Each structure stands twice: as C-alpha cells, then as structure tokens.
Amino acid sequence: MTSELRFRQAGAGDAAAVAELHGDSWRRHYRGAYADSFLDGECSEYLGAMWAKRLAAREGTLTTLAEYDGQLVGLAHLVFGADPRWGALVDNLHVRAPLKRQGIGTQLLARTGEAAPDGYFLWVLEQNTAAQAFYEARGGIRQDSKHVPPPGGEPRRLNGTPKCLRYCWPKATA
C-alpha cells in the first residue's frame, strides 16, 4: 500500500474533504461522549466551518494529509507553540476506518514529530482505548487528564462531563 500512499500539506481547497473525514472519525469514536444530536446533525456544518477557517489561515499550524489513489485517507493537524511545557499540539489525527492498522497513522505521527522538534502532545478521549494503545505503542507518555471542552463552547454538544487524557512526546523522544 505504501507505494501509492502520498503525503502533502493541506490547502484551503481541502477543507470539505478534511471535515468529512474528521466527522466520520468523531461519529465512530466520540459517540457517548458527544451528544448524538450533535454528531448526527450539526457536526458536519460545525467541522466544515472550522476547517475552512483553519485551512484558509494556516499561520502557526501544519495540516498534513495522507492520500491513497487520490483519496483522503488520513490527516494530522499540528499547532506550533501551543504550550510552553508540552510543545506543539496535535489537535487532530484521524485515519479512515477501513485503512487503520496499515501504518498511515504511524507515518502521520512521525511526520508530526519531525515538524515539532521541541516535542508535541495531544488529547484523547478517555473512552478511546484503541487510540491510547496506539499512542503508547508509539512512545506517547500519558501525563494528565481534564474535562473535554465542548465543541464550539456549547455544553449541550456533550453527554455529561467526559474526560480526555494528555499524551506527550517530549523533545528527547519526539
């Protein structure tokens, strides 16, 4: 598969495809933590607007896309200088469900590490144990937890008060 897999930096014209992949991932992995009414309703519009804004600005960020046969199959969004202690924030890392466990996420995370020489971190939902195992297998160190911030600051988009966990890759291991 890797012979046809290519990576490139996202541009403004990629916003709709990125939002679609991101939404699909949220619906698969965030159900229970995020309200069904949000995931099945306004999520697409919310993510579409968010990615259009992100990819139009791009300052201080890097969004890497993985494509296979011309189709978007993965993405990693990095925010430089997000935290003085932890480094850059991997704000999103998603791989299309049927193509998981084929090295795409590993390659995206490795490229993220190359772009963030001062270390990087991410937040993962406490319920997403598969992602936690993935990060730990790739050297991620679990540090702390916090309540999940609601999308767009609207608490009704969450079910209760779910938690997320910080995983980091310090400078020495990134």
Protein backbone atom coordinates (compact mmCIF):
# COMPACT_ATOMS: atom_id res chain seq x y z
CA MET A 1 0.00 0.00 0.00
CA THR A 2 2.79 2.47 0.79
CA SER A 3 3.84 2.68 -2.87
CA GLU A 4 0.60 4.53 -3.65
CA LEU A 5 0.35 6.44 -0.39
CA ARG A 6 1.48 10.06 -0.53
CA PHE A 7 1.62 12.91 1.94
CA ARG A 8 1.16 16.61 1.34
CA GLN A 9 0.34 19.82 3.14
CA ALA A 10 -3.35 20.74 3.14
CA GLY A 11 -4.64 23.90 1.50
CA ALA A 12 -7.89 25.84 1.65
CA GLY A 13 -9.40 23.70 -1.11
CA ASP A 14 -9.14 20.61 1.11
CA ALA A 15 -11.47 21.87 3.84
CA ALA A 16 -14.59 19.91 2.80
CA ALA A 17 -12.76 16.58 2.46
CA VAL A 18 -10.90 17.11 5.75
CA ALA A 19 -14.14 18.00 7.55
CA GLU A 20 -15.83 14.87 6.16
CA LEU A 21 -13.03 12.57 7.37
CA HIS A 22 -12.91 14.33 10.74
CA GLY A 23 -16.70 13.99 11.17
CA ASP A 24 -16.65 10.31 10.25
CA SER A 25 -13.96 9.72 12.88
CA TRP A 26 -15.90 11.63 15.54
CA ARG A 27 -19.09 9.66 14.81
CA ARG A 28 -17.16 6.39 15.17
CA HIS A 29 -15.12 7.22 18.26
CA TYR A 30 -16.84 10.05 20.15
CA ARG A 31 -20.31 8.55 20.45
CA GLY A 32 -21.28 8.51 24.10
CA ALA A 33 -19.05 11.45 24.98
CA TYR A 34 -20.55 13.74 22.36
CA ALA A 35 -24.32 14.09 22.04
CA ASP A 36 -25.88 12.00 19.26
CA SER A 37 -27.89 15.05 18.20
CA PHE A 38 -24.63 16.91 17.60
CA LEU A 39 -22.80 14.03 15.87
CA ASP A 40 -25.74 13.17 13.61
CA GLY A 41 -26.87 16.74 12.97
CA GLU A 42 -24.81 19.89 13.22
CA CYS A 43 -21.39 18.20 13.39
CA SER A 44 -20.83 18.37 9.61
CA GLU A 45 -21.62 22.07 9.42
CA TYR A 46 -19.55 22.81 12.54
CA LEU A 47 -16.48 20.95 11.23
CA GLY A 48 -16.89 22.35 7.72
CA ALA A 49 -16.74 25.91 9.04
CA MET A 50 -13.89 25.09 11.43
CA TRP A 51 -11.71 23.51 8.72
CA ALA A 52 -12.48 26.24 6.17
CA LYS A 53 -11.21 28.80 8.69
CA ARG A 54 -8.19 26.73 9.76
CA LEU A 55 -7.01 25.93 6.25
CA ALA A 56 -7.53 29.47 4.99
CA ALA A 57 -5.34 30.93 7.76
CA ARG A 58 -2.72 28.18 8.32
CA GLU A 59 -0.44 30.55 10.25
CA GLY A 60 1.26 28.72 13.11
CA THR A 61 -0.15 25.37 12.02
CA LEU A 62 0.64 22.48 9.72
CA THR A 63 -2.01 20.11 8.39
CA THR A 64 -0.57 17.02 6.73
CA LEU A 65 -2.81 14.88 4.54
CA ALA A 66 -2.35 11.24 3.59
CA GLU A 67 -3.81 10.26 0.23
CA TYR A 68 -4.21 6.86 -1.37
CA ASP A 69 -5.22 6.66 -5.02
CA GLY A 70 -6.11 10.35 -4.89
CA GLN A 71 -8.49 9.95 -1.93
CA LEU A 72 -8.00 11.47 1.51
CA VAL A 73 -7.32 8.65 3.98
CA GLY A 74 -5.69 10.45 6.91
CA LEU A 75 -4.76 13.78 8.42
CA ALA A 76 -2.72 15.31 11.20
CA HIS A 77 -3.18 18.92 12.31
CA LEU A 78 -0.36 20.47 14.33
CA VAL A 79 -0.49 23.78 16.23
CA PHE A 80 3.01 25.10 16.88
CA GLY A 81 3.88 26.63 20.26
CA ALA A 82 0.58 25.60 21.83
CA ASP A 83 2.07 25.07 25.28
CA PRO A 84 5.41 26.24 26.73
CA ARG A 85 5.90 22.98 28.62
CA TRP A 86 4.49 20.40 26.20
CA GLY A 87 5.30 21.97 22.84
CA ALA A 88 3.13 21.71 19.74
CA LEU A 89 -0.42 20.39 19.92
CA VAL A 90 -1.56 17.60 17.61
CA ASP A 91 -5.10 18.89 17.53
CA ASN A 92 -6.33 16.20 15.16
CA LEU A 93 -5.04 12.84 13.98
CA HIS A 94 -7.53 10.76 12.01
CA VAL A 95 -7.29 7.80 9.62
CA ARG A 96 -10.19 6.49 7.57
CA ALA A 97 -11.61 3.44 9.40
CA PRO A 98 -11.13 0.72 6.75
CA LEU A 99 -7.46 1.67 6.38
CA LYS A 100 -6.44 1.63 10.03
CA ARG A 101 -3.61 -0.68 11.13
CA GLN A 102 -1.74 -0.17 7.86
CA GLY A 103 0.84 2.35 9.07
CA ILE A 104 -0.87 5.56 7.93
CA GLY A 105 -1.35 6.91 11.46
CA THR A 106 2.20 5.93 12.39
CA GLN A 107 3.58 7.81 9.40
CA LEU A 108 1.43 10.86 10.15
CA LEU A 109 2.60 10.87 13.77
CA ALA A 110 6.24 10.50 12.67
CA ARG A 111 5.90 13.45 10.29
CA THR A 112 4.34 15.43 13.12
CA GLY A 113 7.35 14.65 15.30
CA GLU A 114 9.73 15.83 12.57
CA ALA A 115 7.83 19.12 12.32
CA ALA A 116 7.78 19.63 16.12
CA PRO A 117 11.39 19.27 17.29
CA ASP A 118 10.58 20.76 20.71
CA GLY A 119 8.11 17.97 21.46
CA TYR A 120 4.39 17.61 21.00
CA PHE A 121 1.26 16.43 22.76
CA LEU A 122 -2.36 15.59 22.14
CA TRP A 123 -5.60 14.95 23.96
CA VAL A 124 -7.55 11.71 23.51
CA LEU A 125 -10.95 10.79 24.89
CA GLU A 126 -10.74 8.54 27.93
CA GLN A 127 -13.18 6.12 26.25
CA ASN A 128 -10.97 5.78 23.14
CA THR A 129 -8.78 2.98 24.47
CA ALA A 130 -7.69 1.87 20.97
CA ALA A 131 -6.17 5.30 20.31
CA GLN A 132 -4.49 5.27 23.72
CA ALA A 133 -2.87 1.91 22.91
CA PHE A 134 -1.75 3.30 19.54
CA TYR A 135 -0.12 6.34 21.17
CA GLU A 136 1.56 4.28 23.89
CA ALA A 137 2.95 1.85 21.30
CA ARG A 138 4.50 4.86 19.55
CA GLY A 139 6.21 6.23 22.63
CA GLY A 140 3.49 8.54 23.91
CA ILE A 141 3.60 9.18 27.63
CA ARG A 142 0.31 9.66 29.46
CA GLN A 143 0.52 12.73 31.66
CA ASP A 144 -2.77 14.06 32.98
CA SER A 145 -6.46 14.48 32.26
CA LYS A 146 -9.13 17.16 32.02
CA HIS A 147 -12.77 17.51 31.14
CA VAL A 148 -13.45 17.55 27.40
CA PRO A 149 -14.16 21.08 26.20
CA PRO A 150 -17.49 21.16 24.35
CA PRO A 151 -17.31 21.78 20.59
CA GLY A 152 -17.85 25.48 19.94
CA GLY A 153 -18.14 26.05 23.69
CA GLU A 154 -21.69 24.63 23.76
CA PRO A 155 -22.18 22.17 26.67
CA ARG A 156 -25.30 20.67 25.04
CA ARG A 157 -22.99 19.08 22.47
CA LEU A 158 -21.58 16.76 25.16
CA ASN A 159 -23.09 13.94 27.19
CA GLY A 160 -22.26 14.81 30.79
CA THR A 161 -18.63 15.65 31.54
CA PRO A 162 -16.40 13.27 29.60
CA LYS A 163 -12.67 13.32 30.21
CA CYS A 164 -9.69 13.35 27.92
CA LEU A 165 -6.11 12.31 28.56
CA ARG A 166 -2.90 14.11 27.59
CA TYR A 167 -0.25 12.09 25.79
CA CYS A 168 3.10 13.71 25.11
CA TRP A 169 6.27 13.10 23.22
CA PRO A 170 8.94 15.26 24.94
CA LYS A 171 11.78 16.75 22.95
CA ALA A 172 14.11 13.89 23.81
CA THR A 173 11.71 11.22 22.49
CA ALA A 174 9.86 13.15 19.76
